[in-house]
């Protein structure tokens, strides 16, 4: 249930507004997202819980005191991007990689679906990647694109995140940089696809053992 509240609060990450001036906006935005997440509940016990969480959240935000937050350790940056920004991003990915972000006739992407993508790509079975290998991928991406990238999800809830928080556990998700020079697609079938020449070159240079196992389903993939 509370994921709906988080979906709303993530819109406010990175803003420098005085908390006192945006409390009403925070409450309205989060309760709108919360309503979307909780509309499936219709039993009295569930509805009581929904209301308890809702009113508890309103009370919490209304009583927030900025001075009490100074000692709270910051969380990794994770800003939910607005609809307009998402539309520009997904259009660019469709144009460059023919990646439909789970909306078009392909639904999935390479290698699960054959697309019109012309950008070089390689893919692997995800079980090959241990934590140390993911760290190397993060290093590669930082060298190409810096400390912030985009995360896209199947639910169309997309984020700007810290590059260091990239992980391969979120199935049917994707990562790219602001310029959409490269794309990483993580499928529900246990595959991870990397597209974009700079990204592929980095993997070839730093993941010399894993690269030997590229394209396991089709040795003739481009």
N, C-alpha and C. Protein backbone atom coordinates (compact mmCIF):
# COMPACT_ATOMS: atom_id res chain seq x y z
N UNK A 1 0.81 -1.21 0.00
CA UNK A 1 0.00 0.00 0.00
C UNK A 1 0.85 1.27 0.00
N UNK A 2 1.88 1.27 0.85
CA UNK A 2 2.66 2.49 1.01
C UNK A 2 3.49 2.82 -0.22
N UNK A 3 3.62 1.87 -1.17
CA UNK A 3 4.37 2.16 -2.40
C UNK A 3 3.71 3.31 -3.15
N UNK A 4 2.38 3.44 -3.03
CA UNK A 4 1.71 4.56 -3.68
C UNK A 4 2.17 5.90 -3.12
N UNK A 5 2.37 5.97 -1.82
CA UNK A 5 2.87 7.21 -1.21
C UNK A 5 4.29 7.50 -1.70
N UNK A 6 5.11 6.45 -1.79
CA UNK A 6 6.48 6.64 -2.29
C UNK A 6 6.47 7.11 -3.74
N UNK A 7 5.58 6.55 -4.55
CA UNK A 7 5.49 6.98 -5.96
C UNK A 7 5.23 8.48 -6.05
N UNK A 8 4.49 9.01 -5.10
CA UNK A 8 4.23 10.44 -5.10
C UNK A 8 5.39 11.25 -4.57
N UNK A 9 5.96 10.82 -3.46
CA UNK A 9 7.03 11.61 -2.84
C UNK A 9 8.28 11.65 -3.71
N UNK A 10 8.46 10.63 -4.56
CA UNK A 10 9.64 10.60 -5.42
C UNK A 10 9.65 11.73 -6.44
N UNK A 11 8.51 12.33 -6.71
CA UNK A 11 8.47 13.49 -7.60
C UNK A 11 9.20 14.69 -6.99
N UNK A 12 9.32 14.73 -5.67
CA UNK A 12 9.85 15.92 -4.99
C UNK A 12 11.36 15.83 -4.74
N UNK A 13 11.95 14.69 -5.04
CA UNK A 13 13.40 14.53 -4.83
C UNK A 13 14.15 15.54 -5.68
N UNK A 14 15.11 16.20 -5.07
CA UNK A 14 15.94 17.17 -5.79
C UNK A 14 15.41 18.59 -5.78
N UNK A 15 14.18 18.79 -5.33
CA UNK A 15 13.65 20.15 -5.25
C UNK A 15 14.19 20.87 -4.02
N UNK A 16 14.34 22.18 -4.14
CA UNK A 16 14.93 22.98 -3.05
C UNK A 16 13.90 23.87 -2.36
N UNK A 17 12.62 23.52 -2.52
CA UNK A 17 11.59 24.34 -1.91
C UNK A 17 11.64 24.23 -0.38
N UNK A 18 11.19 25.28 0.28
CA UNK A 18 11.00 25.23 1.73
C UNK A 18 9.87 24.25 2.03
N UNK A 19 10.12 23.29 2.91
CA UNK A 19 9.14 22.25 3.20
C UNK A 19 7.79 22.82 3.61
N UNK A 20 7.81 23.97 4.31
CA UNK A 20 6.56 24.55 4.78
C UNK A 20 5.68 25.04 3.64
N UNK A 21 6.30 25.37 2.51
CA UNK A 21 5.54 25.92 1.38
C UNK A 21 4.96 24.85 0.48
N UNK A 22 5.40 23.60 0.62
CA UNK A 22 4.93 22.56 -0.30
C UNK A 22 4.27 21.37 0.41
N UNK A 23 3.98 21.52 1.70
CA UNK A 23 3.35 20.41 2.42
C UNK A 23 2.03 20.00 1.78
N UNK A 24 1.21 20.99 1.43
CA UNK A 24 -0.09 20.68 0.82
C UNK A 24 0.09 19.99 -0.53
N UNK A 25 1.10 20.43 -1.29
CA UNK A 25 1.37 19.81 -2.59
C UNK A 25 1.84 18.37 -2.42
N UNK A 26 2.71 18.15 -1.44
CA UNK A 26 3.19 16.80 -1.16
C UNK A 26 2.02 15.88 -0.80
N UNK A 27 1.16 16.35 0.10
CA UNK A 27 0.03 15.54 0.53
C UNK A 27 -0.90 15.23 -0.63
N UNK A 28 -1.22 16.23 -1.45
CA UNK A 28 -2.14 16.02 -2.58
C UNK A 28 -1.56 15.07 -3.60
N UNK A 29 -0.28 15.24 -3.93
CA UNK A 29 0.37 14.39 -4.93
C UNK A 29 0.45 12.95 -4.45
N UNK A 30 0.88 12.77 -3.21
CA UNK A 30 1.05 11.42 -2.68
C UNK A 30 -0.28 10.69 -2.51
N UNK A 31 -1.30 11.41 -2.08
CA UNK A 31 -2.61 10.77 -1.89
C UNK A 31 -3.23 10.39 -3.23
N UNK A 32 -2.93 11.15 -4.28
CA UNK A 32 -3.41 10.79 -5.61
C UNK A 32 -2.78 9.46 -6.05
N UNK A 33 -1.46 9.31 -5.86
CA UNK A 33 -0.78 8.06 -6.21
C UNK A 33 -1.24 6.92 -5.30
N UNK A 34 -1.46 7.24 -4.05
CA UNK A 34 -1.92 6.24 -3.08
C UNK A 34 -3.30 5.70 -3.46
N UNK A 35 -4.17 6.57 -3.93
CA UNK A 35 -5.50 6.15 -4.35
C UNK A 35 -5.42 5.18 -5.53
N UNK A 36 -4.49 5.42 -6.45
CA UNK A 36 -4.32 4.52 -7.58
C UNK A 36 -3.88 3.13 -7.14
N UNK A 37 -3.02 3.09 -6.12
CA UNK A 37 -2.49 1.82 -5.63
C UNK A 37 -3.50 1.06 -4.79
N UNK A 38 -4.41 1.74 -4.14
CA UNK A 38 -5.30 1.10 -3.16
C UNK A 38 -6.73 0.93 -3.66
N UNK A 39 -7.01 1.32 -4.89
CA UNK A 39 -8.39 1.24 -5.39
C UNK A 39 -8.88 -0.21 -5.55
N UNK A 40 -7.97 -1.17 -5.52
CA UNK A 40 -8.37 -2.58 -5.68
C UNK A 40 -8.95 -3.16 -4.39
N UNK A 41 -8.76 -2.47 -3.28
CA UNK A 41 -9.24 -2.99 -2.00
C UNK A 41 -10.71 -2.61 -1.78
N UNK A 42 -11.51 -3.61 -1.37
CA UNK A 42 -12.93 -3.31 -1.12
C UNK A 42 -13.46 -3.93 0.17
N UNK A 43 -12.66 -4.75 0.85
CA UNK A 43 -13.11 -5.36 2.10
C UNK A 43 -12.90 -4.37 3.24
N UNK A 44 -13.81 -4.44 4.22
CA UNK A 44 -13.81 -3.45 5.30
C UNK A 44 -12.49 -3.39 6.05
N UNK A 45 -11.88 -4.54 6.31
CA UNK A 45 -10.60 -4.56 7.02
C UNK A 45 -9.51 -3.86 6.25
N UNK A 46 -9.47 -4.11 4.94
CA UNK A 46 -8.48 -3.46 4.09
C UNK A 46 -8.73 -1.96 4.02
N UNK A 47 -10.01 -1.58 3.91
CA UNK A 47 -10.33 -0.15 3.79
C UNK A 47 -9.97 0.60 5.06
N UNK A 48 -10.13 -0.03 6.21
CA UNK A 48 -9.73 0.59 7.46
C UNK A 48 -8.22 0.82 7.49
N UNK A 49 -7.47 -0.17 6.99
CA UNK A 49 -6.01 -0.04 6.94
C UNK A 49 -5.61 1.07 5.97
N UNK A 50 -6.29 1.12 4.82
CA UNK A 50 -6.02 2.16 3.83
C UNK A 50 -6.21 3.54 4.46
N UNK A 51 -7.31 3.72 5.17
CA UNK A 51 -7.59 5.02 5.80
C UNK A 51 -6.60 5.34 6.91
N UNK A 52 -6.21 4.32 7.68
CA UNK A 52 -5.26 4.54 8.78
C UNK A 52 -3.92 5.02 8.24
N UNK A 53 -3.45 4.40 7.15
CA UNK A 53 -2.19 4.81 6.54
C UNK A 53 -2.32 6.21 5.96
N UNK A 54 -3.44 6.48 5.31
CA UNK A 54 -3.68 7.79 4.69
C UNK A 54 -3.64 8.91 5.74
N UNK A 55 -4.40 8.75 6.81
CA UNK A 55 -4.46 9.81 7.81
C UNK A 55 -3.16 9.91 8.62
N UNK A 56 -2.49 8.78 8.80
CA UNK A 56 -1.19 8.81 9.46
C UNK A 56 -0.18 9.58 8.63
N UNK A 57 -0.24 9.41 7.30
CA UNK A 57 0.67 10.13 6.41
C UNK A 57 0.39 11.64 6.45
N UNK A 58 -0.88 12.01 6.40
CA UNK A 58 -1.24 13.43 6.45
C UNK A 58 -0.74 14.05 7.75
N UNK A 59 -0.93 13.35 8.85
CA UNK A 59 -0.48 13.85 10.15
C UNK A 59 1.04 13.99 10.17
N UNK A 60 1.74 13.02 9.60
CA UNK A 60 3.21 13.05 9.59
C UNK A 60 3.74 14.24 8.79
N UNK A 61 3.23 14.40 7.56
CA UNK A 61 3.73 15.49 6.71
C UNK A 61 3.37 16.85 7.31
N UNK A 62 2.15 16.97 7.82
CA UNK A 62 1.71 18.24 8.39
C UNK A 62 2.58 18.66 9.57
N UNK A 63 3.10 17.68 10.30
CA UNK A 63 3.90 17.99 11.49
C UNK A 63 5.39 18.01 11.26
N UNK A 64 5.83 17.87 10.00
CA UNK A 64 7.27 17.86 9.72
C UNK A 64 7.91 19.19 10.13
N UNK A 65 9.06 19.06 10.77
CA UNK A 65 9.84 20.24 11.17
C UNK A 65 11.22 20.09 10.56
N UNK A 66 11.61 21.04 9.72
CA UNK A 66 12.88 20.94 9.00
C UNK A 66 14.07 20.79 9.94
N UNK A 67 14.00 21.39 11.11
CA UNK A 67 15.11 21.31 12.05
C UNK A 67 15.31 19.89 12.57
N UNK A 68 14.24 19.11 12.58
CA UNK A 68 14.33 17.73 13.06
C UNK A 68 14.90 16.78 12.00
N UNK A 69 15.04 17.28 10.78
CA UNK A 69 15.52 16.42 9.69
C UNK A 69 17.01 16.57 9.41
N UNK A 70 17.67 17.50 10.10
CA UNK A 70 19.08 17.78 9.80
C UNK A 70 20.00 16.61 10.12
N UNK A 71 19.60 15.75 11.06
CA UNK A 71 20.45 14.63 11.46
C UNK A 71 20.07 13.33 10.75
N UNK A 72 19.11 13.40 9.84
CA UNK A 72 18.68 12.20 9.10
C UNK A 72 19.66 11.94 7.96
N UNK A 73 20.17 10.72 7.86
CA UNK A 73 21.10 10.38 6.79
C UNK A 73 20.38 10.39 5.45
N UNK A 74 20.96 11.00 4.43
CA UNK A 74 20.30 11.07 3.13
C UNK A 74 20.24 9.71 2.44
N UNK A 75 19.17 9.47 1.71
CA UNK A 75 19.04 8.27 0.89
C UNK A 75 19.65 8.53 -0.47
N UNK A 76 19.98 7.47 -1.23
CA UNK A 76 20.46 7.69 -2.60
C UNK A 76 19.44 8.48 -3.41
N UNK A 77 19.93 9.32 -4.30
CA UNK A 77 19.07 10.15 -5.13
C UNK A 77 18.19 9.26 -6.01
N UNK A 78 16.87 9.50 -5.97
CA UNK A 78 15.92 8.74 -6.78
C UNK A 78 14.72 9.63 -7.06
N UNK A 79 14.75 10.32 -8.19
CA UNK A 79 13.68 11.27 -8.54
C UNK A 79 12.77 10.66 -9.60
N UNK A 80 11.50 10.55 -9.29
CA UNK A 80 10.55 10.09 -10.29
C UNK A 80 10.35 11.20 -11.32
N UNK A 81 10.47 10.86 -12.58
CA UNK A 81 10.35 11.88 -13.62
C UNK A 81 8.89 12.04 -14.04
N UNK A 82 8.53 13.26 -14.35
CA UNK A 82 7.15 13.60 -14.69
C UNK A 82 6.77 13.01 -16.06
N UNK A 83 5.47 12.99 -16.31
CA UNK A 83 4.93 12.38 -17.53
C UNK A 83 5.56 12.99 -18.78
N UNK A 84 5.67 14.31 -18.82
CA UNK A 84 6.20 14.97 -20.02
C UNK A 84 7.65 14.56 -20.27
N UNK A 85 8.45 14.50 -19.21
CA UNK A 85 9.85 14.10 -19.35
C UNK A 85 9.95 12.65 -19.78
N UNK A 86 9.10 11.80 -19.23
CA UNK A 86 9.08 10.39 -19.60
C UNK A 86 8.73 10.21 -21.07
N UNK A 87 7.79 10.99 -21.54
CA UNK A 87 7.36 10.87 -22.94
C UNK A 87 8.49 11.24 -23.90
N UNK A 88 9.25 12.28 -23.56
CA UNK A 88 10.39 12.67 -24.40
C UNK A 88 11.44 11.57 -24.39
N UNK A 89 11.71 11.01 -23.20
CA UNK A 89 12.71 9.95 -23.08
C UNK A 89 12.30 8.70 -23.84
N UNK A 90 11.08 8.24 -23.65
CA UNK A 90 10.65 7.00 -24.30
C UNK A 90 10.57 7.16 -25.82
N UNK A 91 10.23 8.36 -26.29
CA UNK A 91 10.21 8.61 -27.73
C UNK A 91 11.62 8.51 -28.31
N UNK A 92 12.60 9.05 -27.57
CA UNK A 92 13.99 8.97 -28.03
C UNK A 92 14.48 7.53 -28.08
N UNK A 93 14.11 6.73 -27.09
CA UNK A 93 14.52 5.32 -27.06
C UNK A 93 13.85 4.53 -28.19
N UNK A 94 12.62 4.86 -28.48
CA UNK A 94 11.93 4.21 -29.59
C UNK A 94 12.59 4.55 -30.90
N UNK A 95 12.95 5.81 -31.07
CA UNK A 95 13.56 6.27 -32.32
C UNK A 95 14.95 5.68 -32.51
N UNK A 96 15.75 5.63 -31.45
CA UNK A 96 17.14 5.19 -31.59
C UNK A 96 17.30 3.67 -31.51
N UNK A 97 16.57 3.02 -30.61
CA UNK A 97 16.76 1.58 -30.36
C UNK A 97 15.54 0.73 -30.74
N UNK A 98 14.49 1.36 -31.21
CA UNK A 98 13.22 0.67 -31.42
C UNK A 98 12.80 -0.05 -30.13
N UNK A 99 13.05 0.60 -29.00
CA UNK A 99 12.65 0.07 -27.70
C UNK A 99 11.33 0.73 -27.33
N UNK A 100 10.26 -0.05 -27.28
CA UNK A 100 8.93 0.49 -27.10
C UNK A 100 8.50 0.69 -25.67
N UNK A 101 9.40 0.45 -24.73
CA UNK A 101 9.13 0.62 -23.29
C UNK A 101 7.82 -0.05 -22.89
N UNK A 102 7.66 -1.30 -23.31
CA UNK A 102 6.54 -2.16 -22.91
C UNK A 102 5.18 -1.61 -23.36
N UNK A 103 5.18 -0.83 -24.45
CA UNK A 103 3.92 -0.25 -24.91
C UNK A 103 3.54 -0.69 -26.32
N UNK A 104 4.50 -1.05 -27.16
CA UNK A 104 4.17 -1.32 -28.57
C UNK A 104 3.94 -2.80 -28.81
N UNK A 105 3.86 -3.17 -30.08
CA UNK A 105 3.52 -4.55 -30.44
C UNK A 105 4.58 -5.56 -30.02
N UNK A 106 5.82 -5.12 -29.88
CA UNK A 106 6.87 -6.04 -29.44
C UNK A 106 6.78 -6.32 -27.94
N UNK A 107 6.37 -5.33 -27.20
CA UNK A 107 6.28 -5.31 -25.74
C UNK A 107 7.67 -5.45 -25.12
N UNK A 108 8.32 -6.61 -25.33
CA UNK A 108 9.66 -6.82 -24.79
C UNK A 108 10.70 -6.29 -25.79
N UNK A 109 11.98 -6.52 -25.49
CA UNK A 109 13.03 -6.05 -26.39
C UNK A 109 14.00 -7.20 -26.65
N UNK A 110 15.08 -6.91 -27.36
CA UNK A 110 16.08 -7.92 -27.72
C UNK A 110 16.68 -8.58 -26.47
N UNK A 111 16.87 -9.91 -26.47
CA UNK A 111 16.61 -10.86 -27.55
C UNK A 111 15.22 -11.49 -27.51
N UNK A 112 14.34 -11.08 -26.57
CA UNK A 112 13.03 -11.70 -26.48
C UNK A 112 12.15 -11.37 -27.68
N UNK A 113 12.31 -10.16 -28.21
CA UNK A 113 11.56 -9.74 -29.39
C UNK A 113 12.54 -9.23 -30.44
N UNK A 114 12.30 -9.59 -31.67
CA UNK A 114 13.10 -9.05 -32.76
C UNK A 114 12.56 -7.68 -33.14
N UNK A 115 13.43 -6.68 -33.13
CA UNK A 115 13.02 -5.31 -33.39
C UNK A 115 13.77 -4.76 -34.61
N UNK A 116 13.53 -3.50 -34.89
CA UNK A 116 14.23 -2.83 -35.99
C UNK A 116 15.49 -2.11 -35.52
N UNK A 117 15.92 -2.41 -34.30
CA UNK A 117 17.11 -1.76 -33.76
C UNK A 117 18.34 -2.01 -34.63
N UNK A 118 19.10 -0.95 -34.87
CA UNK A 118 20.33 -1.05 -35.67
C UNK A 118 21.58 -0.76 -34.85
N UNK A 119 21.39 -0.40 -33.60
CA UNK A 119 22.53 -0.09 -32.74
C UNK A 119 23.16 -1.40 -32.27
N UNK A 120 24.51 -1.52 -32.30
CA UNK A 120 25.16 -2.76 -31.86
C UNK A 120 24.70 -3.17 -30.46
N UNK A 121 24.53 -4.47 -30.26
CA UNK A 121 24.12 -4.97 -28.95
C UNK A 121 24.74 -6.33 -28.67
N UNK A 122 24.83 -6.65 -27.39
CA UNK A 122 25.21 -7.98 -26.93
C UNK A 122 24.33 -8.30 -25.73
N UNK A 123 24.10 -9.60 -25.49
CA UNK A 123 23.30 -9.94 -24.33
C UNK A 123 23.88 -11.17 -23.65
N UNK A 124 23.48 -11.36 -22.40
CA UNK A 124 24.01 -12.44 -21.56
C UNK A 124 22.89 -13.00 -20.69
N UNK A 125 23.14 -14.16 -20.13
CA UNK A 125 22.27 -14.67 -19.08
C UNK A 125 22.64 -13.95 -17.78
N UNK A 126 21.64 -13.50 -17.04
CA UNK A 126 21.92 -12.63 -15.90
C UNK A 126 22.66 -13.33 -14.76
N UNK A 127 22.59 -14.66 -14.71
CA UNK A 127 23.26 -15.38 -13.63
C UNK A 127 24.78 -15.28 -13.71
N UNK A 128 25.29 -14.83 -14.83
CA UNK A 128 26.74 -14.65 -14.97
C UNK A 128 27.26 -13.50 -14.10
N UNK A 129 26.40 -12.53 -13.81
CA UNK A 129 26.85 -11.30 -13.18
C UNK A 129 26.79 -11.40 -11.66
N UNK A 130 27.95 -11.44 -11.05
CA UNK A 130 28.07 -11.39 -9.59
C UNK A 130 28.20 -9.92 -9.18
N UNK A 131 28.20 -9.67 -7.89
CA UNK A 131 28.22 -8.29 -7.41
C UNK A 131 29.44 -7.52 -7.93
N UNK A 132 30.59 -8.19 -7.99
CA UNK A 132 31.81 -7.52 -8.46
C UNK A 132 31.70 -7.14 -9.94
N UNK A 133 30.94 -7.94 -10.70
CA UNK A 133 30.77 -7.64 -12.12
C UNK A 133 29.82 -6.46 -12.31
N UNK A 134 28.78 -6.41 -11.49
CA UNK A 134 27.87 -5.27 -11.54
C UNK A 134 28.62 -3.99 -11.19
N UNK A 135 29.52 -4.06 -10.22
CA UNK A 135 30.33 -2.90 -9.86
C UNK A 135 31.17 -2.43 -11.04
N UNK A 136 31.68 -3.36 -11.82
CA UNK A 136 32.46 -3.00 -13.00
C UNK A 136 31.58 -2.32 -14.05
N UNK A 137 30.35 -2.81 -14.20
CA UNK A 137 29.43 -2.17 -15.13
C UNK A 137 29.14 -0.74 -14.68
N UNK A 138 28.97 -0.55 -13.37
CA UNK A 138 28.75 0.79 -12.83
C UNK A 138 29.94 1.69 -13.15
N UNK A 139 31.14 1.17 -13.00
CA UNK A 139 32.34 1.95 -13.31
C UNK A 139 32.36 2.35 -14.77
N UNK A 140 31.99 1.42 -15.63
CA UNK A 140 31.96 1.71 -17.07
C UNK A 140 30.98 2.83 -17.37
N UNK A 141 29.78 2.71 -16.80
CA UNK A 141 28.75 3.70 -17.05
C UNK A 141 29.15 5.07 -16.50
N UNK A 142 29.75 5.09 -15.31
CA UNK A 142 30.21 6.37 -14.76
C UNK A 142 31.23 7.02 -15.68
N UNK A 143 32.11 6.22 -16.26
CA UNK A 143 33.13 6.78 -17.16
C UNK A 143 32.52 7.34 -18.43
N UNK A 144 31.37 6.80 -18.84
CA UNK A 144 30.70 7.25 -20.06
C UNK A 144 29.73 8.39 -19.77
N UNK A 145 28.97 8.25 -18.67
CA UNK A 145 27.80 9.11 -18.49
C UNK A 145 27.73 9.83 -17.14
N UNK A 146 28.70 9.65 -16.27
CA UNK A 146 28.69 10.37 -15.01
C UNK A 146 27.86 9.70 -13.93
N UNK A 147 27.40 10.50 -12.97
CA UNK A 147 26.82 9.97 -11.75
C UNK A 147 25.29 9.85 -11.75
N UNK A 148 24.63 10.27 -12.82
CA UNK A 148 23.17 10.17 -12.87
C UNK A 148 22.73 9.53 -14.19
N UNK A 149 21.76 8.63 -14.10
CA UNK A 149 21.21 7.97 -15.28
C UNK A 149 19.71 7.81 -15.09
N UNK A 150 19.04 7.27 -16.11
CA UNK A 150 17.61 6.99 -16.02
C UNK A 150 17.37 5.50 -15.76
N UNK A 151 16.34 5.23 -14.98
CA UNK A 151 15.81 3.88 -14.78
C UNK A 151 14.37 3.88 -15.27
N UNK A 152 14.03 2.92 -16.16
CA UNK A 152 12.67 2.79 -16.66
C UNK A 152 12.10 1.45 -16.21
N UNK A 153 10.81 1.43 -15.86
CA UNK A 153 10.19 0.21 -15.39
C UNK A 153 8.98 -0.16 -16.25
N UNK A 154 8.60 -1.42 -16.17
CA UNK A 154 7.47 -1.92 -16.94
C UNK A 154 6.17 -1.21 -16.58
N UNK A 155 6.09 -0.70 -15.35
CA UNK A 155 4.89 -0.01 -14.88
C UNK A 155 4.84 1.45 -15.32
N UNK A 156 5.83 1.87 -16.14
CA UNK A 156 5.92 3.26 -16.61
C UNK A 156 6.13 4.25 -15.47
N UNK A 157 6.74 3.78 -14.39
CA UNK A 157 7.18 4.65 -13.30
C UNK A 157 8.69 4.77 -13.45
N UNK A 158 9.15 5.89 -13.97
CA UNK A 158 10.54 6.05 -14.38
C UNK A 158 11.26 7.05 -13.49
N UNK A 159 12.57 6.88 -13.38
CA UNK A 159 13.35 7.65 -12.40
C UNK A 159 14.66 8.17 -12.99
N UNK A 160 15.11 9.25 -12.42
CA UNK A 160 16.51 9.67 -12.51
C UNK A 160 17.17 9.20 -11.22
N UNK A 161 18.25 8.42 -11.34
CA UNK A 161 18.86 7.81 -10.16
C UNK A 161 20.37 8.02 -10.18
N UNK A 162 20.99 7.71 -9.05
CA UNK A 162 22.44 7.69 -8.99
C UNK A 162 22.95 6.45 -9.73
N UNK A 163 23.97 6.64 -10.54
CA UNK A 163 24.54 5.52 -11.29
C UNK A 163 24.98 4.40 -10.37
N UNK A 164 25.46 4.74 -9.20
CA UNK A 164 25.98 3.74 -8.26
C UNK A 164 24.89 2.80 -7.74
N UNK A 165 23.60 3.16 -7.91
CA UNK A 165 22.53 2.29 -7.42
C UNK A 165 22.02 1.33 -8.48
N UNK A 166 22.63 1.32 -9.65
CA UNK A 166 22.23 0.38 -10.69
C UNK A 166 22.31 -1.05 -10.19
N UNK A 167 21.30 -1.85 -10.51
CA UNK A 167 21.30 -3.27 -10.14
C UNK A 167 20.60 -4.06 -11.24
N UNK A 168 20.84 -5.37 -11.24
CA UNK A 168 20.27 -6.22 -12.27
C UNK A 168 19.16 -7.13 -11.75
N UNK A 169 18.61 -6.80 -10.58
CA UNK A 169 17.58 -7.65 -9.97
C UNK A 169 16.17 -7.25 -10.35
N UNK A 170 15.98 -6.08 -10.93
CA UNK A 170 14.65 -5.58 -11.25
C UNK A 170 14.26 -6.02 -12.66
N UNK A 171 13.49 -7.13 -12.76
CA UNK A 171 13.17 -7.66 -14.08
C UNK A 171 12.21 -6.74 -14.83
N UNK A 172 12.29 -6.83 -16.17
CA UNK A 172 11.57 -5.94 -17.07
C UNK A 172 11.79 -4.48 -16.67
N UNK A 173 13.04 -4.12 -16.75
CA UNK A 173 13.44 -2.74 -16.50
C UNK A 173 14.55 -2.38 -17.47
N UNK A 174 14.90 -1.11 -17.51
CA UNK A 174 15.94 -0.66 -18.43
C UNK A 174 16.65 0.55 -17.85
N UNK A 175 17.89 0.74 -18.28
CA UNK A 175 18.68 1.90 -17.90
C UNK A 175 19.20 2.57 -19.17
N UNK A 176 19.35 3.88 -19.13
CA UNK A 176 19.99 4.61 -20.22
C UNK A 176 20.53 5.92 -19.66
N UNK A 177 21.33 6.62 -20.46
CA UNK A 177 21.83 7.92 -20.01
C UNK A 177 20.94 9.02 -20.57
N UNK A 178 21.21 10.26 -20.18
CA UNK A 178 20.35 11.37 -20.57
C UNK A 178 20.33 11.57 -22.08
N UNK A 179 21.45 11.24 -22.72
CA UNK A 179 21.54 11.44 -24.18
C UNK A 179 21.06 10.22 -24.96
N UNK A 180 20.64 9.18 -24.27
CA UNK A 180 20.22 7.89 -24.88
C UNK A 180 21.28 7.36 -25.86
N UNK A 181 22.55 7.43 -25.44
CA UNK A 181 23.64 6.88 -26.24
C UNK A 181 23.72 5.35 -26.10
N UNK A 182 23.21 4.84 -24.98
CA UNK A 182 23.28 3.41 -24.71
C UNK A 182 22.02 2.98 -23.96
N UNK A 183 21.80 1.66 -23.95
CA UNK A 183 20.62 1.11 -23.31
C UNK A 183 20.96 -0.24 -22.70
N UNK A 184 20.48 -0.48 -21.48
CA UNK A 184 20.57 -1.79 -20.84
C UNK A 184 19.15 -2.27 -20.59
N UNK A 185 18.84 -3.48 -21.05
CA UNK A 185 17.50 -4.05 -20.88
C UNK A 185 17.60 -5.34 -20.08
N UNK A 186 16.82 -5.42 -18.98
CA UNK A 186 16.81 -6.59 -18.11
C UNK A 186 15.45 -7.27 -18.26
N UNK A 187 15.45 -8.50 -18.75
CA UNK A 187 14.19 -9.17 -19.07
C UNK A 187 13.73 -10.12 -17.96
N UNK A 188 12.49 -10.58 -18.08
CA UNK A 188 11.95 -11.55 -17.14
C UNK A 188 12.41 -12.97 -17.46
N UNK A 189 13.13 -13.14 -18.57
CA UNK A 189 13.63 -14.45 -18.97
C UNK A 189 15.09 -14.67 -18.59
N UNK A 190 15.59 -13.82 -17.70
CA UNK A 190 16.95 -14.00 -17.21
C UNK A 190 18.03 -13.55 -18.17
N UNK A 191 17.73 -12.55 -19.00
CA UNK A 191 18.74 -12.01 -19.91
C UNK A 191 18.98 -10.54 -19.62
N UNK A 192 20.20 -10.09 -19.92
CA UNK A 192 20.56 -8.68 -19.81
C UNK A 192 21.19 -8.27 -21.14
N UNK A 193 20.63 -7.24 -21.76
CA UNK A 193 21.10 -6.78 -23.06
C UNK A 193 21.76 -5.42 -22.93
N UNK A 194 22.92 -5.27 -23.55
CA UNK A 194 23.66 -4.01 -23.56
C UNK A 194 23.73 -3.52 -24.99
N UNK A 195 23.36 -2.27 -25.22
CA UNK A 195 23.41 -1.71 -26.57
C UNK A 195 24.08 -0.34 -26.54
N UNK A 196 24.84 -0.07 -27.57
CA UNK A 196 25.62 1.17 -27.64
C UNK A 196 27.10 0.83 -27.67
N UNK A 197 27.83 1.34 -28.66
CA UNK A 197 29.19 0.90 -28.88
C UNK A 197 30.13 1.19 -27.72
N UNK A 198 30.03 2.38 -27.10
CA UNK A 198 30.92 2.71 -25.98
C UNK A 198 30.69 1.75 -24.81
N UNK A 199 29.44 1.43 -24.54
CA UNK A 199 29.11 0.52 -23.45
C UNK A 199 29.63 -0.88 -23.75
N UNK A 200 29.44 -1.33 -24.97
CA UNK A 200 29.92 -2.66 -25.35
C UNK A 200 31.44 -2.74 -25.28
N UNK A 201 32.11 -1.70 -25.75
CA UNK A 201 33.58 -1.68 -25.69
C UNK A 201 34.06 -1.74 -24.25
N UNK A 202 33.39 -1.02 -23.37
CA UNK A 202 33.77 -1.06 -21.96
C UNK A 202 33.61 -2.44 -21.36
N UNK A 203 32.54 -3.12 -21.70
CA UNK A 203 32.31 -4.48 -21.20
C UNK A 203 33.35 -5.44 -21.76
N UNK A 204 33.67 -5.29 -23.03
CA UNK A 204 34.69 -6.14 -23.64
C UNK A 204 36.04 -5.96 -22.95
N UNK A 205 36.35 -4.75 -22.52
CA UNK A 205 37.64 -4.47 -21.92
C UNK A 205 37.71 -4.84 -20.44
N UNK A 206 36.59 -4.71 -19.71
CA UNK A 206 36.62 -4.91 -18.26
C UNK A 206 36.02 -6.23 -17.79
N UNK A 207 35.17 -6.84 -18.60
CA UNK A 207 34.54 -8.11 -18.22
C UNK A 207 34.99 -9.20 -19.19
N UNK A 208 36.28 -9.47 -19.14
CA UNK A 208 36.89 -10.33 -20.15
C UNK A 208 36.44 -11.79 -20.08
N UNK A 209 36.02 -12.25 -18.92
CA UNK A 209 35.52 -13.62 -18.82
C UNK A 209 34.06 -13.70 -19.25
N UNK A 210 33.27 -12.76 -18.76
CA UNK A 210 31.85 -12.76 -19.10
C UNK A 210 31.62 -12.57 -20.59
N UNK A 211 32.45 -11.76 -21.23
CA UNK A 211 32.25 -11.49 -22.66
C UNK A 211 32.34 -12.76 -23.50
N UNK A 212 33.01 -13.78 -22.98
CA UNK A 212 33.11 -15.05 -23.70
C UNK A 212 31.77 -15.75 -23.83
N UNK A 213 30.80 -15.34 -23.02
CA UNK A 213 29.50 -16.01 -23.00
C UNK A 213 28.39 -15.13 -23.58
N UNK A 214 28.76 -14.18 -24.42
CA UNK A 214 27.76 -13.28 -24.99
C UNK A 214 26.85 -14.02 -25.97
N UNK A 215 25.66 -13.50 -26.12
CA UNK A 215 24.68 -13.97 -27.10
C UNK A 215 24.45 -15.48 -27.08
N UNK A 216 24.09 -16.05 -25.93
CA UNK A 216 23.95 -17.51 -25.83
C UNK A 216 22.81 -18.10 -26.64
N UNK A 217 21.79 -17.32 -26.96
CA UNK A 217 20.65 -17.85 -27.71
C UNK A 217 20.86 -17.80 -29.22
N UNK A 218 21.76 -16.93 -29.68
CA UNK A 218 21.93 -16.76 -31.11
C UNK A 218 23.35 -16.29 -31.38
N UNK A 219 24.18 -17.16 -31.86
CA UNK A 219 25.58 -16.82 -32.09
C UNK A 219 25.74 -15.85 -33.26
N UNK A 220 24.69 -15.65 -34.04
CA UNK A 220 24.79 -14.77 -35.18
C UNK A 220 24.15 -13.41 -34.94
N UNK A 221 23.78 -13.15 -33.69
CA UNK A 221 23.20 -11.84 -33.39
C UNK A 221 24.21 -10.74 -33.66
N UNK A 222 23.76 -9.62 -34.15
CA UNK A 222 24.69 -8.55 -34.54
C UNK A 222 25.45 -8.03 -33.31
